[in-house]
């Protein structure tokens, strides 16, 4: 992997020399699941709670339909 060249916009007071790459990446990945909604769908769901509520309702309906057809 090539080292990137110093970015032109990087100010001298920014010191990342003691930084650790990916220090929190594993913890973040286990606690999150990012899903990107299409703009038209996002207009209908203003926040994650509304998306989760709609998906839980859909799962309940799907399970009910599956049980009735069995």
N, C-alpha and C. Protein backbone atom coordinates (compact mmCIF):
# COMPACT_ATOMS: atom_id res chain seq x y z
N UNK A 1 0.83 -1.16 0.00
CA UNK A 1 0.00 0.00 0.00
C UNK A 1 0.89 1.24 0.00
N UNK A 2 0.62 2.13 -0.91
CA UNK A 2 1.42 3.35 -1.01
C UNK A 2 1.00 4.34 0.06
N UNK A 3 1.96 5.06 0.57
CA UNK A 3 1.65 6.12 1.52
C UNK A 3 1.15 7.32 0.72
N UNK A 4 0.09 7.93 1.22
CA UNK A 4 -0.44 9.09 0.51
C UNK A 4 0.46 10.30 0.74
N UNK A 5 0.48 11.16 -0.24
CA UNK A 5 1.27 12.38 -0.12
C UNK A 5 0.55 13.33 0.81
N UNK A 6 1.29 14.21 1.41
CA UNK A 6 0.72 15.18 2.32
C UNK A 6 -0.32 16.02 1.58
N UNK A 7 -1.49 16.12 2.17
CA UNK A 7 -2.57 16.87 1.54
C UNK A 7 -2.28 18.36 1.60
N UNK A 8 -2.52 19.04 0.53
CA UNK A 8 -2.22 20.46 0.42
C UNK A 8 -3.00 21.29 1.44
N UNK A 9 -4.25 20.89 1.73
CA UNK A 9 -5.11 21.64 2.64
C UNK A 9 -4.87 21.31 4.11
N UNK A 10 -3.99 20.37 4.40
CA UNK A 10 -3.75 19.97 5.79
C UNK A 10 -2.96 21.06 6.50
N UNK A 11 -3.52 21.56 7.58
CA UNK A 11 -2.87 22.61 8.34
C UNK A 11 -1.76 22.04 9.22
N UNK A 12 -0.70 22.80 9.46
CA UNK A 12 0.44 22.31 10.24
C UNK A 12 0.07 21.91 11.67
N UNK A 13 -0.97 22.53 12.26
CA UNK A 13 -1.32 22.19 13.63
C UNK A 13 -2.05 20.86 13.78
N UNK A 14 -2.43 20.25 12.68
CA UNK A 14 -3.05 18.92 12.73
C UNK A 14 -1.94 17.89 12.84
N UNK A 15 -1.90 17.19 13.96
CA UNK A 15 -0.86 16.19 14.18
C UNK A 15 -1.50 14.83 14.41
N UNK A 16 -1.41 13.97 13.43
CA UNK A 16 -1.96 12.62 13.54
C UNK A 16 -0.85 11.58 13.71
N UNK A 17 0.33 12.01 14.09
CA UNK A 17 1.47 11.10 14.17
C UNK A 17 1.28 10.00 15.21
N UNK A 18 0.46 10.25 16.22
CA UNK A 18 0.22 9.24 17.25
C UNK A 18 -1.14 8.57 17.07
N UNK A 19 -1.77 8.84 15.95
CA UNK A 19 -3.08 8.26 15.67
C UNK A 19 -2.97 6.78 15.35
N UNK A 20 -4.05 6.05 15.62
CA UNK A 20 -4.10 4.61 15.34
C UNK A 20 -5.21 4.38 14.32
N UNK A 21 -4.84 3.84 13.19
CA UNK A 21 -5.82 3.60 12.13
C UNK A 21 -6.79 2.48 12.54
N UNK A 22 -8.07 2.78 12.41
CA UNK A 22 -9.10 1.77 12.67
C UNK A 22 -9.28 1.41 14.13
N UNK A 23 -8.90 2.27 15.03
CA UNK A 23 -8.95 1.96 16.46
C UNK A 23 -10.36 1.57 16.91
N UNK A 24 -11.37 2.23 16.41
CA UNK A 24 -12.74 1.96 16.83
C UNK A 24 -13.57 1.29 15.73
N UNK A 25 -12.96 0.89 14.65
CA UNK A 25 -13.69 0.37 13.50
C UNK A 25 -14.47 -0.89 13.84
N UNK A 26 -13.88 -1.82 14.56
CA UNK A 26 -14.56 -3.07 14.88
C UNK A 26 -15.77 -2.82 15.78
N UNK A 27 -15.59 -1.97 16.79
CA UNK A 27 -16.69 -1.67 17.71
C UNK A 27 -17.83 -0.97 16.94
N UNK A 28 -17.48 -0.07 16.05
CA UNK A 28 -18.49 0.65 15.27
C UNK A 28 -19.24 -0.31 14.35
N UNK A 29 -18.51 -1.20 13.71
CA UNK A 29 -19.13 -2.12 12.76
C UNK A 29 -20.10 -3.08 13.43
N UNK A 30 -19.82 -3.50 14.65
CA UNK A 30 -20.72 -4.43 15.32
C UNK A 30 -22.00 -3.77 15.79
N UNK A 31 -21.97 -2.46 16.01
CA UNK A 31 -23.14 -1.78 16.53
C UNK A 31 -23.92 -1.00 15.51
N UNK A 32 -23.59 -1.12 14.25
CA UNK A 32 -24.31 -0.33 13.26
C UNK A 32 -24.51 -1.11 11.97
N UNK A 33 -25.56 -0.73 11.29
CA UNK A 33 -25.84 -1.31 9.99
C UNK A 33 -26.40 -0.17 9.15
N UNK A 34 -25.60 0.37 8.29
CA UNK A 34 -26.00 1.53 7.51
C UNK A 34 -26.69 1.08 6.24
N UNK A 35 -27.87 1.64 6.02
CA UNK A 35 -28.64 1.36 4.82
C UNK A 35 -28.99 2.70 4.19
N UNK A 36 -28.74 2.84 2.91
CA UNK A 36 -29.03 4.09 2.21
C UNK A 36 -30.37 3.95 1.50
N UNK A 37 -31.28 4.86 1.83
CA UNK A 37 -32.60 4.85 1.22
C UNK A 37 -32.62 5.71 -0.02
N UNK A 38 -33.44 5.32 -0.98
CA UNK A 38 -33.64 6.15 -2.15
C UNK A 38 -34.34 7.44 -1.71
N UNK A 39 -34.09 8.54 -2.41
CA UNK A 39 -34.67 9.82 -1.99
C UNK A 39 -36.18 9.81 -1.83
N UNK A 40 -36.89 9.12 -2.73
CA UNK A 40 -38.36 9.09 -2.63
C UNK A 40 -38.81 8.33 -1.39
N UNK A 41 -38.09 7.29 -1.02
CA UNK A 41 -38.42 6.53 0.19
C UNK A 41 -38.05 7.34 1.43
N UNK A 42 -36.92 8.00 1.40
CA UNK A 42 -36.47 8.79 2.55
C UNK A 42 -37.44 9.91 2.89
N UNK A 43 -38.15 10.42 1.90
CA UNK A 43 -39.15 11.47 2.17
C UNK A 43 -40.28 10.94 3.05
N UNK A 44 -40.58 9.67 2.93
CA UNK A 44 -41.68 9.07 3.70
C UNK A 44 -41.25 8.67 5.10
N UNK A 45 -39.95 8.50 5.31
CA UNK A 45 -39.43 8.05 6.61
C UNK A 45 -38.42 9.07 7.13
N UNK A 46 -38.84 9.96 8.01
CA UNK A 46 -37.97 11.04 8.47
C UNK A 46 -36.85 10.61 9.41
N UNK A 47 -36.97 9.43 10.03
CA UNK A 47 -35.95 9.00 10.97
C UNK A 47 -35.88 7.48 11.04
N UNK A 48 -34.89 6.97 11.75
CA UNK A 48 -34.68 5.52 11.82
C UNK A 48 -35.81 4.81 12.56
N UNK A 49 -36.43 5.48 13.53
CA UNK A 49 -37.55 4.85 14.25
C UNK A 49 -38.71 4.54 13.31
N UNK A 50 -39.03 5.47 12.42
CA UNK A 50 -40.13 5.23 11.50
C UNK A 50 -39.81 4.12 10.50
N UNK A 51 -38.57 4.03 10.08
CA UNK A 51 -38.16 2.95 9.18
C UNK A 51 -38.27 1.60 9.90
N UNK A 52 -37.76 1.54 11.13
CA UNK A 52 -37.82 0.29 11.90
C UNK A 52 -39.26 -0.13 12.16
N UNK A 53 -40.12 0.82 12.49
CA UNK A 53 -41.54 0.50 12.75
C UNK A 53 -42.18 -0.09 11.49
N UNK A 54 -41.93 0.53 10.34
CA UNK A 54 -42.50 0.04 9.09
C UNK A 54 -41.97 -1.35 8.75
N UNK A 55 -40.69 -1.58 8.94
CA UNK A 55 -40.12 -2.89 8.63
C UNK A 55 -40.64 -3.96 9.57
N UNK A 56 -40.80 -3.63 10.86
CA UNK A 56 -41.36 -4.61 11.80
C UNK A 56 -42.79 -4.97 11.43
N UNK A 57 -43.56 -3.99 11.00
CA UNK A 57 -44.93 -4.25 10.55
C UNK A 57 -44.93 -5.15 9.33
N UNK A 58 -44.04 -4.88 8.40
CA UNK A 58 -43.94 -5.71 7.20
C UNK A 58 -43.56 -7.14 7.55
N UNK A 59 -42.64 -7.33 8.48
CA UNK A 59 -42.23 -8.68 8.90
C UNK A 59 -43.40 -9.41 9.55
N UNK A 60 -44.15 -8.71 10.43
CA UNK A 60 -45.32 -9.34 11.07
C UNK A 60 -46.34 -9.78 10.03
N UNK A 61 -46.62 -8.90 9.05
CA UNK A 61 -47.58 -9.25 8.00
C UNK A 61 -47.09 -10.42 7.16
N UNK A 62 -45.82 -10.43 6.84
CA UNK A 62 -45.26 -11.54 6.05
C UNK A 62 -45.35 -12.84 6.82
N UNK A 63 -45.04 -12.81 8.11
CA UNK A 63 -45.14 -14.03 8.92
C UNK A 63 -46.59 -14.51 9.02
N UNK A 64 -47.53 -13.58 9.17
CA UNK A 64 -48.93 -13.94 9.27
C UNK A 64 -49.41 -14.58 7.97
N UNK A 65 -49.02 -14.00 6.84
CA UNK A 65 -49.39 -14.54 5.53
C UNK A 65 -48.81 -15.91 5.31
N UNK A 66 -47.56 -16.10 5.73
CA UNK A 66 -46.88 -17.39 5.57
C UNK A 66 -47.58 -18.46 6.41
N UNK A 67 -48.00 -18.13 7.63
CA UNK A 67 -48.67 -19.10 8.50
C UNK A 67 -50.05 -19.47 7.95
N UNK A 68 -50.76 -18.52 7.37
CA UNK A 68 -52.10 -18.78 6.82
C UNK A 68 -52.04 -19.65 5.58
N UNK A 69 -50.99 -19.54 4.78
CA UNK A 69 -50.91 -20.33 3.55
C UNK A 69 -50.33 -21.72 3.79
N UNK A 70 -49.81 -21.99 4.99
CA UNK A 70 -49.22 -23.30 5.28
C UNK A 70 -50.25 -24.32 5.71
